[in-house]
Amino acid sequence: MSQPILLDIQPHIAILTLNQPELRNSISEIEVVDAFIDALNVVSNNDQLRCLIITGAGSAFSSGGNIKHMLNKEGMFAGAANDVRENYGKVIQRIPVALHNINIPTIAAVNGPAVGAGCDLAMYCDMRIASTNARFAESFIKVGIIPGDGGAWILPRVAGYGRAAEMAFTGEAITAEQAFEWGMLNKLVEPDQLMSEAMALAQRIAVNPPQALRATKQLMRAGTTLPLDTLLQMSAAIQANLHQTEDHIEAVSALIERRAANFKGK
């Protein structure tokens, strides 16, 4: 049996691949979620990494929940109502929390359909590049449920409330072209250009000092919920520490000397 999650660590950049193409990369199985969280922990704990790309193997990005398990009341969908409630917290809801808290920038390289929780997984990433083969569906309503993975929190923040409401209330898929027009994507590319474009964006990010990158990610996420005065206080505290780093001095020196900077994460 193949590993459900693949993690490729390159200099400063990691690539996480959902690796169940025969299941269209469903993400509601406990073993998949465990492997996903383990991979994110490896990435977060590697001080040399500065960006993470998430993509899918095969023709789909992710189909979200396993609908056969839903029908047969298996896995996280097994048991009475209270059992299922607890299972959501133990399984699928760990993904948005982990993605929200990961300490480096994330890019979703959406190679194909991103459906239900798969759509939300892409939205939880900081940036999205999609192939023209991609489509996006907040399709929970089509199987008589709601976005149990926090889609009602993230999708309006990415697509705007009206667009998110249209997707959630109809459950209908939108094309990659629509998603780009709605501002949900950073870039739309042909299928054979997807990973090279995602890597090019990751490399543009990875040239920057890692401590400042992680701090910027922390502030960007905090800014989605904190009031301005609290965020300003948080910014001042982080900024004071960054001013003491070797990488800050190196960055300023490199600009003045008109040379490439060499950052060490110190």
Protein backbone atom coordinates (compact mmCIF):
# COMPACT_ATOMS: atom_id res chain seq x y z
CA MET A 1 0.00 0.00 0.00
CA SER A 2 1.42 3.37 -1.01
CA GLN A 3 2.03 6.14 1.49
CA PRO A 4 -1.01 8.47 1.59
CA ILE A 5 1.21 11.54 1.94
CA LEU A 6 4.54 12.16 0.24
CA LEU A 7 6.94 14.84 1.49
CA ASP A 8 9.80 16.01 -0.71
CA ILE A 9 12.20 18.36 1.09
CA GLN A 10 14.39 20.48 -1.16
CA PRO A 11 16.67 23.42 -0.28
CA HIS A 12 14.36 25.89 1.53
CA ILE A 13 11.19 24.45 -0.11
CA ALA A 14 9.05 21.39 0.71
CA ILE A 15 6.46 19.72 -1.53
CA LEU A 16 3.64 17.75 0.11
CA THR A 17 1.68 15.50 -2.23
CA LEU A 18 -1.68 13.92 -1.40
CA ASN A 19 -0.96 10.44 -2.70
CA GLN A 20 -4.19 8.44 -3.01
CA PRO A 21 -5.05 8.97 -6.68
CA GLU A 22 -7.27 5.88 -6.69
CA LEU A 23 -9.46 7.63 -4.07
CA ARG A 24 -9.05 11.02 -5.71
CA ASN A 25 -6.97 12.01 -2.69
CA SER A 26 -9.74 11.92 -0.11
CA ILE A 27 -8.71 13.33 3.26
CA SER A 28 -11.26 12.01 5.75
CA GLU A 29 -9.38 8.84 6.72
CA ILE A 30 -7.60 8.98 10.07
CA GLU A 31 -4.39 7.52 8.63
CA VAL A 32 -4.34 10.23 5.94
CA VAL A 33 -4.90 13.00 8.46
CA ASP A 34 -2.24 11.57 10.78
CA ALA A 35 0.27 11.45 7.93
CA PHE A 36 -0.69 14.96 6.81
CA ILE A 37 -0.22 16.39 10.30
CA ASP A 38 3.08 14.52 10.73
CA ALA A 39 4.35 16.01 7.47
CA LEU A 40 3.35 19.53 8.52
CA ASN A 41 5.15 19.03 11.83
CA VAL A 42 8.31 17.97 10.00
CA VAL A 43 8.08 21.10 7.86
CA SER A 44 7.42 23.43 10.79
CA ASN A 45 10.34 22.02 12.77
CA ASN A 46 12.83 22.41 9.92
CA ASP A 47 14.40 25.86 10.31
CA GLN A 48 15.83 25.69 6.80
CA LEU A 49 12.42 25.56 5.11
CA ARG A 50 10.84 28.78 3.90
CA CYS A 51 7.85 27.66 1.81
CA LEU A 52 5.55 24.64 1.43
CA ILE A 53 3.76 23.56 -1.77
CA ILE A 54 0.74 21.24 -1.45
CA THR A 55 -0.54 19.33 -4.48
CA GLY A 56 -2.31 16.10 -5.43
CA ALA A 57 -1.21 12.95 -7.25
CA GLY A 58 -3.17 11.89 -10.31
CA SER A 59 -6.03 13.82 -11.87
CA ALA A 60 -7.57 15.30 -8.69
CA PHE A 61 -6.30 17.70 -6.05
CA SER A 62 -8.63 16.29 -3.39
CA SER A 63 -12.17 14.94 -3.32
CA GLY A 64 -12.50 15.82 0.38
CA GLY A 65 -14.53 13.36 2.43
CA ASN A 66 -14.84 9.72 1.41
CA ILE A 67 -18.51 9.48 0.40
CA LYS A 68 -18.51 5.67 0.53
CA HIS A 69 -17.52 5.92 4.18
CA MET A 70 -20.34 8.43 4.68
CA LEU A 71 -22.87 6.06 3.15
CA ASN A 72 -21.65 3.05 5.12
CA LYS A 73 -21.13 4.98 8.37
CA GLU A 74 -17.45 3.99 8.48
CA GLY A 75 -14.36 5.69 9.81
CA MET A 76 -14.94 9.22 11.08
CA PHE A 77 -18.61 8.97 10.04
CA ALA A 78 -19.32 5.96 12.29
CA GLY A 79 -21.48 5.99 15.39
CA ALA A 80 -24.23 8.15 16.82
CA ALA A 81 -24.37 11.93 16.52
CA ASN A 82 -22.08 12.58 19.47
CA ASP A 83 -19.53 10.07 18.14
CA VAL A 84 -19.47 11.80 14.76
CA ARG A 85 -19.12 15.19 16.45
CA GLU A 86 -16.06 13.98 18.34
CA ASN A 87 -14.65 12.32 15.23
CA TYR A 88 -14.74 15.60 13.31
CA GLY A 89 -12.56 17.18 15.97
CA LYS A 90 -10.19 14.20 16.03
CA VAL A 91 -9.90 13.81 12.26
CA ILE A 92 -10.78 16.32 9.53
CA GLN A 93 -10.77 19.45 11.70
CA ARG A 94 -7.12 18.92 12.56
CA ILE A 95 -6.20 19.83 8.97
CA PRO A 96 -7.43 23.45 8.97
CA VAL A 97 -5.95 24.07 12.41
CA ALA A 98 -2.56 22.71 11.34
CA LEU A 99 -2.57 24.66 8.07
CA HIS A 100 -3.63 27.83 9.85
CA ASN A 101 -0.83 27.44 12.39
CA ILE A 102 2.02 26.26 10.16
CA ASN A 103 4.82 28.79 10.45
CA ILE A 104 5.91 29.20 6.81
CA PRO A 105 4.02 30.37 3.70
CA THR A 106 1.98 27.73 1.88
CA ILE A 107 1.03 27.40 -1.78
CA ALA A 108 -1.72 25.10 -3.07
CA ALA A 109 -0.81 23.81 -6.53
CA VAL A 110 -4.29 22.69 -7.57
CA ASN A 111 -3.85 20.14 -10.32
CA GLY A 112 -7.48 19.00 -10.64
CA PRO A 113 -10.86 19.03 -8.89
CA ALA A 114 -10.85 20.36 -5.32
CA VAL A 115 -14.15 19.28 -3.84
CA GLY A 116 -15.72 19.78 -0.40
CA ALA A 117 -12.97 19.55 2.20
CA GLY A 118 -10.51 19.44 -0.70
CA CYS A 119 -11.71 22.86 -1.81
CA ASP A 120 -11.33 24.16 1.73
CA LEU A 121 -7.84 22.65 2.03
CA ALA A 122 -6.78 24.76 -0.96
CA MET A 123 -8.41 27.84 0.57
CA TYR A 124 -6.54 27.35 3.86
CA CYS A 125 -3.25 27.73 2.00
CA ASP A 126 -1.85 31.26 1.79
CA MET A 127 -1.69 31.26 -2.01
CA ARG A 128 -3.19 29.20 -4.82
CA ILE A 129 -1.99 28.41 -8.32
CA ALA A 130 -4.37 26.26 -10.35
CA SER A 131 -4.22 24.26 -13.53
CA THR A 132 -6.93 24.84 -16.11
CA ASN A 133 -8.00 21.26 -15.24
CA ALA A 134 -8.95 22.38 -11.73
CA ARG A 135 -12.44 23.10 -10.49
CA PHE A 136 -13.68 24.07 -7.06
CA ALA A 137 -16.84 22.95 -5.29
CA GLU A 138 -18.08 23.73 -1.77
CA SER A 139 -20.32 20.73 -2.34
CA PHE A 140 -21.34 19.68 1.18
CA ILE A 141 -24.98 20.67 0.59
CA LYS A 142 -25.17 18.13 -2.25
CA VAL A 143 -24.72 15.30 0.26
CA GLY A 144 -26.97 16.87 2.88
CA ILE A 145 -24.33 18.20 5.27
CA ILE A 146 -22.49 21.46 6.02
CA PRO A 147 -18.79 22.39 5.76
CA GLY A 148 -17.69 20.58 8.90
CA ASP A 149 -14.05 21.48 8.32
CA GLY A 150 -14.48 25.22 8.81
CA GLY A 151 -15.22 26.08 5.20
CA ALA A 152 -17.75 28.68 6.36
CA TRP A 153 -14.84 30.48 8.05
CA ILE A 154 -12.20 30.35 5.32
CA LEU A 155 -14.13 30.51 2.03
CA PRO A 156 -15.74 33.95 2.65
CA ARG A 157 -12.30 35.28 3.57
CA VAL A 158 -10.89 34.12 0.23
CA ALA A 159 -13.79 34.49 -2.19
CA GLY A 160 -15.86 37.17 -0.44
CA TYR A 161 -19.14 36.46 1.31
CA GLY A 162 -21.39 36.63 -1.76
CA ARG A 163 -19.30 34.25 -3.86
CA ALA A 164 -18.78 31.89 -0.93
CA ALA A 165 -22.52 31.90 -0.25
CA GLU A 166 -23.24 31.04 -3.88
CA MET A 167 -20.82 28.13 -3.76
CA ALA A 168 -22.05 26.83 -0.39
CA PHE A 169 -25.80 27.24 -1.04
CA THR A 170 -25.76 25.70 -4.54
CA GLY A 171 -22.97 23.17 -4.02
CA GLU A 172 -22.13 23.65 -7.68
CA ALA A 173 -18.59 23.50 -9.02
CA ILE A 174 -16.90 26.49 -10.56
CA THR A 175 -14.16 26.31 -13.15
CA ALA A 176 -10.58 27.36 -12.55
CA GLU A 177 -11.25 30.33 -14.83
CA GLN A 178 -14.16 31.43 -12.61
CA ALA A 179 -12.08 30.97 -9.49
CA PHE A 180 -9.38 33.18 -10.99
CA GLU A 181 -11.92 35.84 -11.98
CA TRP A 182 -13.34 35.76 -8.43
CA GLY A 183 -9.90 36.43 -6.94
CA MET A 184 -9.53 32.98 -5.38
CA LEU A 185 -6.33 32.20 -7.29
CA ASN A 186 -2.98 33.93 -7.57
CA LYS A 187 -2.40 32.45 -11.00
CA LEU A 188 -4.05 30.19 -13.56
CA VAL A 189 -1.77 28.09 -15.78
CA GLU A 190 -1.78 25.22 -18.22
CA PRO A 191 -1.45 21.76 -16.61
CA ASP A 192 2.14 21.20 -17.71
CA GLN A 193 3.19 24.53 -16.15
CA LEU A 194 1.59 24.05 -12.74
CA MET A 195 4.48 22.76 -10.65
CA SER A 196 7.08 24.93 -12.35
CA GLU A 197 4.96 28.02 -11.64
CA ALA A 198 4.36 26.93 -8.05
CA MET A 199 8.08 26.31 -7.59
CA ALA A 200 8.93 29.68 -9.15
CA LEU A 201 6.64 31.44 -6.65
CA ALA A 202 8.10 29.40 -3.79
CA GLN A 203 11.61 30.36 -4.87
CA ARG A 204 10.67 34.06 -4.97
CA ILE A 205 9.51 33.66 -1.37
CA ALA A 206 12.45 31.52 -0.25
CA VAL A 207 15.09 34.13 -1.13
CA ASN A 208 13.91 36.15 1.89
CA PRO A 209 15.15 35.82 5.51
CA PRO A 210 13.43 32.87 7.20
CA GLN A 211 12.77 34.47 10.58
CA ALA A 212 11.08 37.45 8.96
CA LEU A 213 9.07 35.13 6.69
CA ARG A 214 7.76 33.13 9.64
CA ALA A 215 6.95 36.27 11.58
CA THR A 216 5.11 37.76 8.60
CA LYS A 217 3.09 34.55 8.25
CA GLN A 218 2.22 34.75 11.96
CA LEU A 219 1.03 38.34 11.61
CA MET A 220 -0.95 37.72 8.42
CA ARG A 221 -2.90 34.93 10.09
CA ALA A 222 -3.37 36.89 13.32
CA GLY A 223 -4.69 39.81 11.29
CA THR A 224 -7.73 37.77 10.23
CA THR A 225 -9.10 37.87 13.78
CA LEU A 226 -7.26 40.46 15.91
CA PRO A 227 -8.31 44.11 16.23
CA LEU A 228 -5.87 46.68 14.87
CA ASP A 229 -4.54 47.90 18.22
CA THR A 230 -3.72 44.37 19.34
CA LEU A 231 -2.07 43.54 16.03
CA LEU A 232 0.04 46.70 16.24
CA GLN A 233 1.27 45.75 19.70
CA MET A 234 2.10 42.26 18.44
CA SER A 235 3.89 43.76 15.42
CA ALA A 236 6.03 46.03 17.58
CA ALA A 237 7.11 43.14 19.80
CA ILE A 238 8.07 40.94 16.85
CA GLN A 239 9.74 43.82 15.03
CA ALA A 240 11.91 44.64 18.04
CA ASN A 241 13.30 41.11 18.00
CA LEU A 242 13.85 41.05 14.24
CA HIS A 243 15.88 44.25 14.43
CA GLN A 244 18.38 42.31 16.58
CA THR A 245 18.93 39.50 14.06
CA GLU A 246 21.96 38.92 11.88
CA ASP A 247 19.67 38.44 8.86
CA HIS A 248 18.25 41.96 9.29
CA ILE A 249 21.75 43.45 9.22
CA GLU A 250 22.63 41.25 6.25
CA ALA A 251 19.51 42.33 4.36
CA VAL A 252 20.18 46.03 4.90
CA SER A 253 23.87 45.63 4.05
CA ALA A 254 23.08 43.72 0.86
CA LEU A 255 20.67 46.44 -0.27
CA ILE A 256 23.21 49.19 0.37
CA GLU A 257 26.00 47.21 -1.29
CA ARG A 258 23.76 46.12 -4.18
CA ARG A 259 24.54 42.43 -3.83
CA ALA A 260 22.61 39.23 -3.17
CA ALA A 261 21.98 38.57 0.50
CA ASN A 262 23.09 35.40 2.27
CA PHE A 263 20.60 34.62 5.02
CA LYS A 264 21.39 32.13 7.79
CA GLY A 265 18.23 32.24 9.88
CA LYS A 266 20.07 33.95 12.74
